Structure formats: C-alpha cells, structure tokens
C-alpha cells in the first residue's frame, strides 16, 4: 500500500495534466491556439480541466 494520499496512479494523472497544460501554454505562445481556460466555471465545468480555443473551435480536456 502506498503512503501517498490518492495512490501512485493519482500522482501520475496529475503529472500528465501538468504536462498537458504546459503543452497548451507552448501552443498559446506559438499562436497555434487563441486562448486557454483552466478549470472553467458554469455550464462547461462538468468533468473539464482545460478548454482551448482557436478560431471559434473549442477543445475540451
């Protein structure tokens, strides 16, 4: 049994999310996407961690 809260798989999941966010930020800096929303509020908030938008198209993660 792991001593960390949430276990080892939770830690790997958080690392993946952090790397994906860094990738989104790099795409934003390179102007491949127009905006990034982190942990949105409202109707888009259910099971969504990030929203990226480019030319009116939204991608949900």
C-alpha atoms as a PDB file:
ATOM      1  CA  UNK A   1       0.000   0.000   0.000  1.00  0.00           C
ATOM      2  CA  UNK A   2       1.247   3.430  -0.959  1.00  0.00           C
ATOM      3  CA  UNK A   3       1.888   6.082   1.675  1.00  0.00           C
ATOM      4  CA  UNK A   4       0.794   8.947  -0.627  1.00  0.00           C
ATOM      5  CA  UNK A   5      -2.784  10.200  -0.491  1.00  0.00           C
ATOM      6  CA  UNK A   6      -4.636   9.052  -3.607  1.00  0.00           C
ATOM      7  CA  UNK A   7      -2.034   6.449  -4.508  1.00  0.00           C
ATOM      8  CA  UNK A   8       0.577   6.251  -7.235  1.00  0.00           C
ATOM      9  CA  UNK A   9      -1.903   6.367 -10.157  1.00  0.00           C
ATOM     10  CA  UNK A  10      -3.280   9.684  -8.887  1.00  0.00           C
ATOM     11  CA  UNK A  11       0.243  11.143  -8.891  1.00  0.00           C
ATOM     12  CA  UNK A  12       0.839  10.008 -12.496  1.00  0.00           C
ATOM     13  CA  UNK A  13      -2.512  11.510 -13.511  1.00  0.00           C
ATOM     14  CA  UNK A  14      -1.544  14.866 -12.015  1.00  0.00           C
ATOM     15  CA  UNK A  15       1.809  14.785 -13.812  1.00  0.00           C
ATOM     16  CA  UNK A  16       0.019  14.122 -17.103  1.00  0.00           C
ATOM     17  CA  UNK A  17      -2.335  17.060 -16.547  1.00  0.00           C
ATOM     18  CA  UNK A  18       0.587  19.375 -15.710  1.00  0.00           C
ATOM     19  CA  UNK A  19       2.461  18.338 -18.855  1.00  0.00           C
ATOM     20  CA  UNK A  20      -0.645  18.762 -20.987  1.00  0.00           C
ATOM     21  CA  UNK A  21      -1.139  22.255 -19.543  1.00  0.00           C
ATOM     22  CA  UNK A  22       2.491  23.146 -20.316  1.00  0.00           C
ATOM     23  CA  UNK A  23       1.928  21.905 -23.864  1.00  0.00           C
ATOM     24  CA  UNK A  24      -1.176  24.109 -24.175  1.00  0.00           C
ATOM     25  CA  UNK A  25       0.798  27.117 -22.936  1.00  0.00           C
ATOM     26  CA  UNK A  26       3.508  26.481 -25.525  1.00  0.00           C
ATOM     27  CA  UNK A  27       0.849  26.299 -28.244  1.00  0.00           C
ATOM     28  CA  UNK A  28      -0.571  29.589 -26.930  1.00  0.00           C
ATOM     29  CA  UNK A  29       2.844  31.288 -27.056  1.00  0.00           C
ATOM     30  CA  UNK A  30       3.374  29.985 -30.614  1.00  0.00           C
ATOM     31  CA  UNK A  31      -0.084  31.375 -31.532  1.00  0.00           C
ATOM     32  CA  UNK A  32      -1.402  27.941 -32.553  1.00  0.00           C
ATOM     33  CA  UNK A  33      -4.383  28.489 -30.242  1.00  0.00           C
ATOM     34  CA  UNK A  34      -6.119  31.680 -29.174  1.00  0.00           C
ATOM     35  CA  UNK A  35      -6.880  31.058 -25.505  1.00  0.00           C
ATOM     36  CA  UNK A  36      -6.720  28.557 -22.641  1.00  0.00           C
ATOM     37  CA  UNK A  37      -9.207  28.383 -19.770  1.00  0.00           C
ATOM     38  CA  UNK A  38      -8.147  26.396 -16.690  1.00  0.00           C
ATOM     39  CA  UNK A  39     -10.876  24.746 -14.575  1.00  0.00           C
ATOM     40  CA  UNK A  40     -13.794  26.656 -16.123  1.00  0.00           C
ATOM     41  CA  UNK A  41     -16.878  27.697 -14.177  1.00  0.00           C
ATOM     42  CA  UNK A  42     -20.508  27.386 -15.199  1.00  0.00           C
ATOM     43  CA  UNK A  43     -22.054  25.002 -17.709  1.00  0.00           C
ATOM     44  CA  UNK A  44     -18.661  23.939 -19.128  1.00  0.00           C
ATOM     45  CA  UNK A  45     -17.268  22.939 -15.742  1.00  0.00           C
ATOM     46  CA  UNK A  46     -18.534  19.334 -15.544  1.00  0.00           C
ATOM     47  CA  UNK A  47     -15.586  16.932 -15.984  1.00  0.00           C
ATOM     48  CA  UNK A  48     -13.475  19.563 -17.797  1.00  0.00           C
ATOM     49  CA  UNK A  49      -9.993  20.574 -16.711  1.00  0.00           C
ATOM     50  CA  UNK A  50      -8.931  22.793 -19.648  1.00  0.00           C
ATOM     51  CA  UNK A  51     -10.607  24.467 -22.618  1.00  0.00           C
ATOM     52  CA  UNK A  52      -8.507  25.661 -25.547  1.00  0.00           C
ATOM     53  CA  UNK A  53      -9.990  27.805 -28.294  1.00  0.00           C
ATOM     54  CA  UNK A  54      -8.817  28.568 -31.808  1.00  0.00           C
ATOM     55  CA  UNK A  55     -10.847  30.377 -34.470  1.00  0.00           C
ATOM     56  CA  UNK A  56     -14.146  29.686 -32.705  1.00  0.00           C
ATOM     57  CA  UNK A  57     -13.496  25.966 -32.158  1.00  0.00           C
ATOM     58  CA  UNK A  58     -13.251  24.781 -28.561  1.00  0.00           C
ATOM     59  CA  UNK A  59     -11.359  21.679 -27.423  1.00  0.00           C
ATOM     60  CA  UNK A  60     -12.244  20.258 -24.014  1.00  0.00           C
ATOM     61  CA  UNK A  61      -9.917  18.220 -21.854  1.00  0.00           C
END
